[in-house]
Amino acid sequence: SSQVGCALDCSFCATARQGFNRNLTTGEIV
């Protein structure tokens, strides 16, 4: 994952239903 939630709102995506919270840092990705 690269973000907490997602802002793009693709209609078939479970993540999109959570909305967008924030970006992850590099350290949180790695």
PDB file of all heavy atoms in Angstrom:
ATOM      1  N   SER A   1       0.826  -1.202   0.000  1.00  0.00           N
ATOM      2  CA  SER A   1       0.000   0.000   0.000  1.00  0.00           C
ATOM      3  C   SER A   1       0.862   1.256   0.000  1.00  0.00           C
ATOM      4  O   SER A   1       1.991   1.258   0.494  1.00  0.00           O
ATOM      5  CB  SER A   1      -0.915   0.015   1.224  1.00  0.00           C
ATOM      6  OG  SER A   1      -1.879  -1.017   1.158  1.00  0.00           O
ATOM      7  N   SER A   2       0.297   2.332  -0.552  1.00  0.00           N
ATOM      8  CA  SER A   2       1.006   3.610  -0.624  1.00  0.00           C
ATOM      9  C   SER A   2       0.276   4.744   0.084  1.00  0.00           C
ATOM     10  O   SER A   2       0.854   5.813   0.303  1.00  0.00           O
ATOM     11  CB  SER A   2       1.230   4.007  -2.087  1.00  0.00           C
ATOM     12  OG  SER A   2      -0.017   4.060  -2.779  1.00  0.00           O
ATOM     13  N   GLN A   3      -0.994   4.528   0.426  1.00  0.00           N
ATOM     14  CA  GLN A   3      -1.783   5.556   1.091  1.00  0.00           C
ATOM     15  C   GLN A   3      -2.717   4.895   2.098  1.00  0.00           C
ATOM     16  O   GLN A   3      -3.016   3.700   1.990  1.00  0.00           O
ATOM     17  CB  GLN A   3      -2.632   6.339   0.077  1.00  0.00           C
ATOM     18  CG  GLN A   3      -1.839   7.114  -0.955  1.00  0.00           C
ATOM     19  CD  GLN A   3      -2.754   7.845  -1.941  1.00  0.00           C
ATOM     20  OE1 GLN A   3      -3.677   7.268  -2.489  1.00  0.00           O
ATOM     21  NE2 GLN A   3      -2.480   9.125  -2.162  1.00  0.00           N
ATOM     22  N   VAL A   4      -3.171   5.671   3.072  1.00  0.00           N
ATOM     23  CA  VAL A   4      -4.264   5.245   3.946  1.00  0.00           C
ATOM     24  C   VAL A   4      -5.547   5.655   3.245  1.00  0.00           C
ATOM     25  O   VAL A   4      -5.874   6.829   3.160  1.00  0.00           O
ATOM     26  CB  VAL A   4      -4.184   5.890   5.337  1.00  0.00           C
ATOM     27  CG1 VAL A   4      -5.330   5.396   6.215  1.00  0.00           C
ATOM     28  CG2 VAL A   4      -2.838   5.580   6.002  1.00  0.00           C
ATOM     29  N   GLY A   5      -6.265   4.676   2.703  1.00  0.00           N
ATOM     30  CA  GLY A   5      -7.424   4.967   1.888  1.00  0.00           C
ATOM     31  C   GLY A   5      -7.018   5.415   0.504  1.00  0.00           C
ATOM     32  O   GLY A   5      -5.873   5.235   0.064  1.00  0.00           O
ATOM     33  N   CYS A   6      -7.955   6.019  -0.227  1.00  0.00           N
ATOM     34  CA  CYS A   6      -7.679   6.483  -1.583  1.00  0.00           C
ATOM     35  C   CYS A   6      -8.703   7.537  -1.948  1.00  0.00           C
ATOM     36  O   CYS A   6      -9.879   7.432  -1.581  1.00  0.00           O
ATOM     37  CB  CYS A   6      -7.739   5.324  -2.577  1.00  0.00           C
ATOM     38  SG  CYS A   6      -7.257   5.780  -4.266  1.00  0.00           S
ATOM     39  N   ALA A   7      -8.255   8.553  -2.696  1.00  0.00           N
ATOM     40  CA  ALA A   7      -9.137   9.660  -3.065  1.00  0.00           C
ATOM     41  C   ALA A   7      -9.754   9.498  -4.448  1.00  0.00           C
ATOM     42  O   ALA A   7     -10.580  10.316  -4.846  1.00  0.00           O
ATOM     43  CB  ALA A   7      -8.350  10.970  -3.020  1.00  0.00           C
ATOM     44  N   LEU A   8      -9.387   8.456  -5.195  1.00  0.00           N
ATOM     45  CA  LEU A   8      -9.799   8.385  -6.589  1.00  0.00           C
ATOM     46  C   LEU A   8     -11.196   7.819  -6.796  1.00  0.00           C
ATOM     47  O   LEU A   8     -11.763   7.937  -7.871  1.00  0.00           O
ATOM     48  CB  LEU A   8      -8.770   7.584  -7.399  1.00  0.00           C
ATOM     49  CG  LEU A   8      -7.376   8.199  -7.458  1.00  0.00           C
ATOM     50  CD1 LEU A   8      -6.530   7.481  -8.501  1.00  0.00           C
ATOM     51  CD2 LEU A   8      -7.422   9.682  -7.757  1.00  0.00           C
ATOM     52  N   ASP A   9     -11.745   7.135  -5.815  1.00  0.00           N
ATOM     53  CA  ASP A   9     -13.156   6.748  -5.814  1.00  0.00           C
ATOM     54  C   ASP A   9     -13.546   5.840  -6.974  1.00  0.00           C
ATOM     55  O   ASP A   9     -14.637   5.975  -7.539  1.00  0.00           O
ATOM     56  CB  ASP A   9     -14.049   8.002  -5.810  1.00  0.00           C
ATOM     57  CG  ASP A   9     -15.457   7.699  -5.315  1.00  0.00           C
ATOM     58  OD1 ASP A   9     -15.618   6.715  -4.573  1.00  0.00           O
ATOM     59  OD2 ASP A   9     -16.382   8.446  -5.668  1.00  0.00           O
ATOM     60  N   CYS A  10     -12.689   4.896  -7.334  1.00  0.00           N
ATOM     61  CA  CYS A  10     -13.074   3.904  -8.344  1.00  0.00           C
ATOM     62  C   CYS A  10     -14.272   3.112  -7.808  1.00  0.00           C
ATOM     63  O   CYS A  10     -14.273   2.672  -6.651  1.00  0.00           O
ATOM     64  CB  CYS A  10     -11.913   2.974  -8.657  1.00  0.00           C
ATOM     65  SG  CYS A  10     -10.516   3.832  -9.427  1.00  0.00           S
ATOM     66  N   SER A  11     -15.287   2.931  -8.630  1.00  0.00           N
ATOM     67  CA  SER A  11     -16.582   2.478  -8.132  1.00  0.00           C
ATOM     68  C   SER A  11     -16.593   1.032  -7.654  1.00  0.00           C
ATOM     69  O   SER A  11     -17.478   0.652  -6.887  1.00  0.00           O
ATOM     70  CB  SER A  11     -17.639   2.661  -9.227  1.00  0.00           C
ATOM     71  OG  SER A  11     -17.343   1.847 -10.352  1.00  0.00           O
ATOM     72  N   PHE A  12     -15.621   0.210  -8.076  1.00  0.00           N
ATOM     73  CA  PHE A  12     -15.608  -1.213  -7.733  1.00  0.00           C
ATOM     74  C   PHE A  12     -14.587  -1.540  -6.649  1.00  0.00           C
ATOM     75  O   PHE A  12     -14.309  -2.711  -6.372  1.00  0.00           O
ATOM     76  CB  PHE A  12     -15.274  -2.043  -8.981  1.00  0.00           C
ATOM     77  CG  PHE A  12     -14.012  -1.588  -9.666  1.00  0.00           C
ATOM     78  CD1 PHE A  12     -12.783  -2.057  -9.260  1.00  0.00           C
ATOM     79  CD2 PHE A  12     -14.069  -0.671 -10.698  1.00  0.00           C
ATOM     80  CE1 PHE A  12     -11.617  -1.618  -9.868  1.00  0.00           C
ATOM     81  CE2 PHE A  12     -12.905  -0.229 -11.319  1.00  0.00           C
ATOM     82  CZ  PHE A  12     -11.681  -0.704 -10.903  1.00  0.00           C
ATOM     83  N   CYS A  13     -13.986  -0.519  -6.021  1.00  0.00           N
ATOM     84  CA  CYS A  13     -12.841  -0.721  -5.123  1.00  0.00           C
ATOM     85  C   CYS A  13     -13.238  -0.547  -3.662  1.00  0.00           C
ATOM     86  O   CYS A  13     -13.829   0.475  -3.284  1.00  0.00           O
ATOM     87  CB  CYS A  13     -11.739   0.275  -5.478  1.00  0.00           C
ATOM     88  SG  CYS A  13     -10.288   0.165  -4.417  1.00  0.00           S
ATOM     89  N   ALA A  14     -12.898  -1.545  -2.837  1.00  0.00           N
ATOM     90  CA  ALA A  14     -13.224  -1.483  -1.415  1.00  0.00           C
ATOM     91  C   ALA A  14     -12.462  -0.362  -0.716  1.00  0.00           C
ATOM     92  O   ALA A  14     -12.984   0.288   0.201  1.00  0.00           O
ATOM     93  CB  ALA A  14     -12.920  -2.827  -0.744  1.00  0.00           C
ATOM     94  N   THR A  15     -11.216  -0.121  -1.119  1.00  0.00           N
ATOM     95  CA  THR A  15     -10.435   0.948  -0.500  1.00  0.00           C
ATOM     96  C   THR A  15     -11.097   2.305  -0.701  1.00  0.00           C
ATOM     97  O   THR A  15     -11.098   3.160   0.194  1.00  0.00           O
ATOM     98  CB  THR A  15      -9.011   0.979  -1.081  1.00  0.00           C
ATOM     99  OG1 THR A  15      -8.382  -0.277  -0.860  1.00  0.00           O
ATOM    100  CG2 THR A  15      -8.170   2.067  -0.437  1.00  0.00           C
ATOM    101  N   ALA A  16     -11.682   2.513  -1.885  1.00  0.00           N
ATOM    102  CA  ALA A  16     -12.295   3.804  -2.183  1.00  0.00           C
ATOM    103  C   ALA A  16     -13.417   4.133  -1.213  1.00  0.00           C
ATOM    104  O   ALA A  16     -13.677   5.310  -0.927  1.00  0.00           O
ATOM    105  CB  ALA A  16     -12.827   3.803  -3.617  1.00  0.00           C
ATOM    106  N   ARG A  17     -14.079   3.109  -0.682  1.00  0.00           N
ATOM    107  CA  ARG A  17     -15.193   3.348   0.229  1.00  0.00           C
ATOM    108  C   ARG A  17     -14.742   3.952   1.554  1.00  0.00           C
ATOM    109  O   ARG A  17     -15.535   4.484   2.304  1.00  0.00           O
ATOM    110  CB  ARG A  17     -15.950   2.041   0.501  1.00  0.00           C
ATOM    111  CG  ARG A  17     -16.385   1.298  -0.740  1.00  0.00           C
ATOM    112  CD  ARG A  17     -17.387   2.131  -1.563  1.00  0.00           C
ATOM    113  NE  ARG A  17     -17.656   1.484  -2.837  1.00  0.00           N
ATOM    114  CZ  ARG A  17     -18.518   0.503  -3.004  1.00  0.00           C
ATOM    115  NH1 ARG A  17     -19.206   0.042  -1.970  1.00  0.00           N
ATOM    116  NH2 ARG A  17     -18.714  -0.018  -4.190  1.00  0.00           N
ATOM    117  N   GLN A  18     -13.443   3.843   1.862  1.00  0.00           N
ATOM    118  CA  GLN A  18     -12.926   4.370   3.116  1.00  0.00           C
ATOM    119  C   GLN A  18     -12.549   5.846   3.000  1.00  0.00           C
ATOM    120  O   GLN A  18     -12.246   6.487   4.008  1.00  0.00           O
ATOM    121  CB  GLN A  18     -11.703   3.563   3.553  1.00  0.00           C
ATOM    122  CG  GLN A  18     -11.994   2.094   3.757  1.00  0.00           C
ATOM    123  CD  GLN A  18     -10.736   1.306   4.055  1.00  0.00           C
ATOM    124  OE1 GLN A  18      -9.840   1.785   4.746  1.00  0.00           O
ATOM    125  NE2 GLN A  18     -10.649   0.088   3.543  1.00  0.00           N
ATOM    126  N   GLY A  19     -12.559   6.389   1.783  1.00  0.00           N
ATOM    127  CA  GLY A  19     -12.093   7.754   1.606  1.00  0.00           C
ATOM    128  C   GLY A  19     -10.582   7.837   1.737  1.00  0.00           C
ATOM    129  O   GLY A  19      -9.882   6.831   1.799  1.00  0.00           O
ATOM    130  N   PHE A  20     -10.067   9.046   1.758  1.00  0.00           N
ATOM    131  CA  PHE A  20      -8.627   9.263   1.839  1.00  0.00           C
ATOM    132  C   PHE A  20      -8.270   9.875   3.181  1.00  0.00           C
ATOM    133  O   PHE A  20      -8.902  10.842   3.624  1.00  0.00           O
ATOM    134  CB  PHE A  20      -8.170  10.190   0.712  1.00  0.00           C
ATOM    135  CG  PHE A  20      -6.717  10.577   0.801  1.00  0.00           C
ATOM    136  CD1 PHE A  20      -5.719   9.666   0.518  1.00  0.00           C
ATOM    137  CD2 PHE A  20      -6.357  11.858   1.190  1.00  0.00           C
ATOM    138  CE1 PHE A  20      -4.381  10.025   0.605  1.00  0.00           C
ATOM    139  CE2 PHE A  20      -5.024  12.225   1.279  1.00  0.00           C
ATOM    140  CZ  PHE A  20      -4.037  11.303   0.983  1.00  0.00           C
ATOM    141  N   ASN A  21      -7.228   9.307   3.833  1.00  0.00           N
ATOM    142  CA  ASN A  21      -6.760   9.850   5.101  1.00  0.00           C
ATOM    143  C   ASN A  21      -5.437  10.584   4.927  1.00  0.00           C
ATOM    144  O   ASN A  21      -5.338  11.774   5.201  1.00  0.00           O
ATOM    145  CB  ASN A  21      -6.631   8.726   6.138  1.00  0.00           C
ATOM    146  CG  ASN A  21      -6.354   9.237   7.526  1.00  0.00           C
ATOM    147  OD1 ASN A  21      -5.284   9.758   7.793  1.00  0.00           O
ATOM    148  ND2 ASN A  21      -7.332   9.099   8.423  1.00  0.00           N
ATOM    149  N   ARG A  22      -4.399   9.867   4.443  1.00  0.00           N
ATOM    150  CA  ARG A  22      -3.119  10.534   4.227  1.00  0.00           C
ATOM    151  C   ARG A  22      -2.203   9.654   3.380  1.00  0.00           C
ATOM    152  O   ARG A  22      -2.447   8.447   3.198  1.00  0.00           O
ATOM    153  CB  ARG A  22      -2.420  10.862   5.545  1.00  0.00           C
ATOM    154  CG  ARG A  22      -1.915   9.663   6.336  1.00  0.00           C
ATOM    155  CD  ARG A  22      -1.069  10.136   7.515  1.00  0.00           C
ATOM    156  NE  ARG A  22      -0.599   9.051   8.353  1.00  0.00           N
ATOM    157  CZ  ARG A  22       0.507   8.340   8.126  1.00  0.00           C
ATOM    158  NH1 ARG A  22       1.259   8.566   7.060  1.00  0.00           N
ATOM    159  NH2 ARG A  22       0.873   7.386   8.984  1.00  0.00           N
ATOM    160  N   ASN A  23      -1.118  10.252   2.884  1.00  0.00           N
ATOM    161  CA  ASN A  23      -0.053   9.517   2.215  1.00  0.00           C
ATOM    162  C   ASN A  23       0.804   8.772   3.238  1.00  0.00           C
ATOM    163  O   ASN A  23       0.966   9.227   4.378  1.00  0.00           O
ATOM    164  CB  ASN A  23       0.854  10.464   1.432  1.00  0.00           C
ATOM    165  CG  ASN A  23       0.218  10.986   0.164  1.00  0.00           C
ATOM    166  OD1 ASN A  23      -0.560  10.295  -0.487  1.00  0.00           O
ATOM    167  ND2 ASN A  23       0.548  12.215  -0.199  1.00  0.00           N
ATOM    168  N   LEU A  24       1.372   7.672   2.830  1.00  0.00           N
ATOM    169  CA  LEU A  24       2.378   7.012   3.647  1.00  0.00           C
ATOM    170  C   LEU A  24       3.733   7.664   3.415  1.00  0.00           C
ATOM    171  O   LEU A  24       4.009   8.205   2.344  1.00  0.00           O
ATOM    172  CB  LEU A  24       2.474   5.524   3.288  1.00  0.00           C
ATOM    173  CG  LEU A  24       1.219   4.675   3.472  1.00  0.00           C
ATOM    174  CD1 LEU A  24       1.554   3.190   3.287  1.00  0.00           C
ATOM    175  CD2 LEU A  24       0.575   4.895   4.822  1.00  0.00           C
ATOM    176  N   THR A  25       4.594   7.601   4.411  1.00  0.00           N
ATOM    177  CA  THR A  25       5.986   8.016   4.235  1.00  0.00           C
ATOM    178  C   THR A  25       6.739   6.900   3.517  1.00  0.00           C
ATOM    179  O   THR A  25       6.280   5.761   3.412  1.00  0.00           O
ATOM    180  CB  THR A  25       6.654   8.278   5.590  1.00  0.00           C
ATOM    181  OG1 THR A  25       6.717   7.042   6.326  1.00  0.00           O
ATOM    182  CG2 THR A  25       5.884   9.304   6.402  1.00  0.00           C
ATOM    183  N   THR A  26       7.940   7.231   3.050  1.00  0.00           N
ATOM    184  CA  THR A  26       8.795   6.203   2.450  1.00  0.00           C
ATOM    185  C   THR A  26       9.012   5.055   3.425  1.00  0.00           C
ATOM    186  O   THR A  26       8.930   3.874   3.058  1.00  0.00           O
ATOM    187  CB  THR A  26      10.146   6.813   2.047  1.00  0.00           C
ATOM    188  OG1 THR A  26       9.935   7.786   1.021  1.00  0.00           O
ATOM    189  CG2 THR A  26      11.111   5.758   1.538  1.00  0.00           C
ATOM    190  N   GLY A  27       9.276   5.381   4.671  1.00  0.00           N
ATOM    191  CA  GLY A  27       9.530   4.346   5.674  1.00  0.00           C
ATOM    192  C   GLY A  27       8.333   3.461   5.922  1.00  0.00           C
ATOM    193  O   GLY A  27       8.481   2.269   6.220  1.00  0.00           O
ATOM    194  N   GLU A  28       7.128   4.012   5.801  1.00  0.00           N
ATOM    195  CA  GLU A  28       5.926   3.205   5.999  1.00  0.00           C
ATOM    196  C   GLU A  28       5.674   2.289   4.808  1.00  0.00           C
ATOM    197  O   GLU A  28       5.096   1.204   4.960  1.00  0.00           O
ATOM    198  CB  GLU A  28       4.731   4.113   6.257  1.00  0.00           C
ATOM    199  CG  GLU A  28       4.785   4.784   7.625  1.00  0.00           C
ATOM    200  CD  GLU A  28       3.773   5.900   7.786  1.00  0.00           C
ATOM    201  OE1 GLU A  28       3.319   6.470   6.772  1.00  0.00           O
ATOM    202  OE2 GLU A  28       3.446   6.238   8.947  1.00  0.00           O
ATOM    203  N   ILE A  29       6.093   2.711   3.625  1.00  0.00           N
ATOM    204  CA  ILE A  29       6.004   1.834   2.451  1.00  0.00           C
ATOM    205  C   ILE A  29       7.013   0.700   2.573  1.00  0.00           C
ATOM    206  O   ILE A  29       6.674  -0.484   2.473  1.00  0.00           O
ATOM    207  CB  ILE A  29       6.236   2.637   1.155  1.00  0.00           C
ATOM    208  CG1 ILE A  29       5.120   3.666   0.956  1.00  0.00           C
ATOM    209  CG2 ILE A  29       6.319   1.702  -0.046  1.00  0.00           C
ATOM    210  CD1 ILE A  29       5.371   4.640  -0.189  1.00  0.00           C
ATOM    211  N   VAL A  30       8.264   1.051   2.814  1.00  0.00           N
ATOM    212  CA  VAL A  30       9.322   0.047   2.921  1.00  0.00           C
ATOM    213  C   VAL A  30       9.109  -0.838   4.139  1.00  0.00           C
ATOM    214  O   VAL A  30       9.412  -2.038   4.125  1.00  0.00           O
ATOM    215  CB  VAL A  30      10.696   0.741   2.970  1.00  0.00           C
ATOM    216  CG1 VAL A  30      11.817  -0.266   3.231  1.00  0.00           C
ATOM    217  CG2 VAL A  30      10.952   1.480   1.665  1.00  0.00           C
TER     218      VAL A  30
END
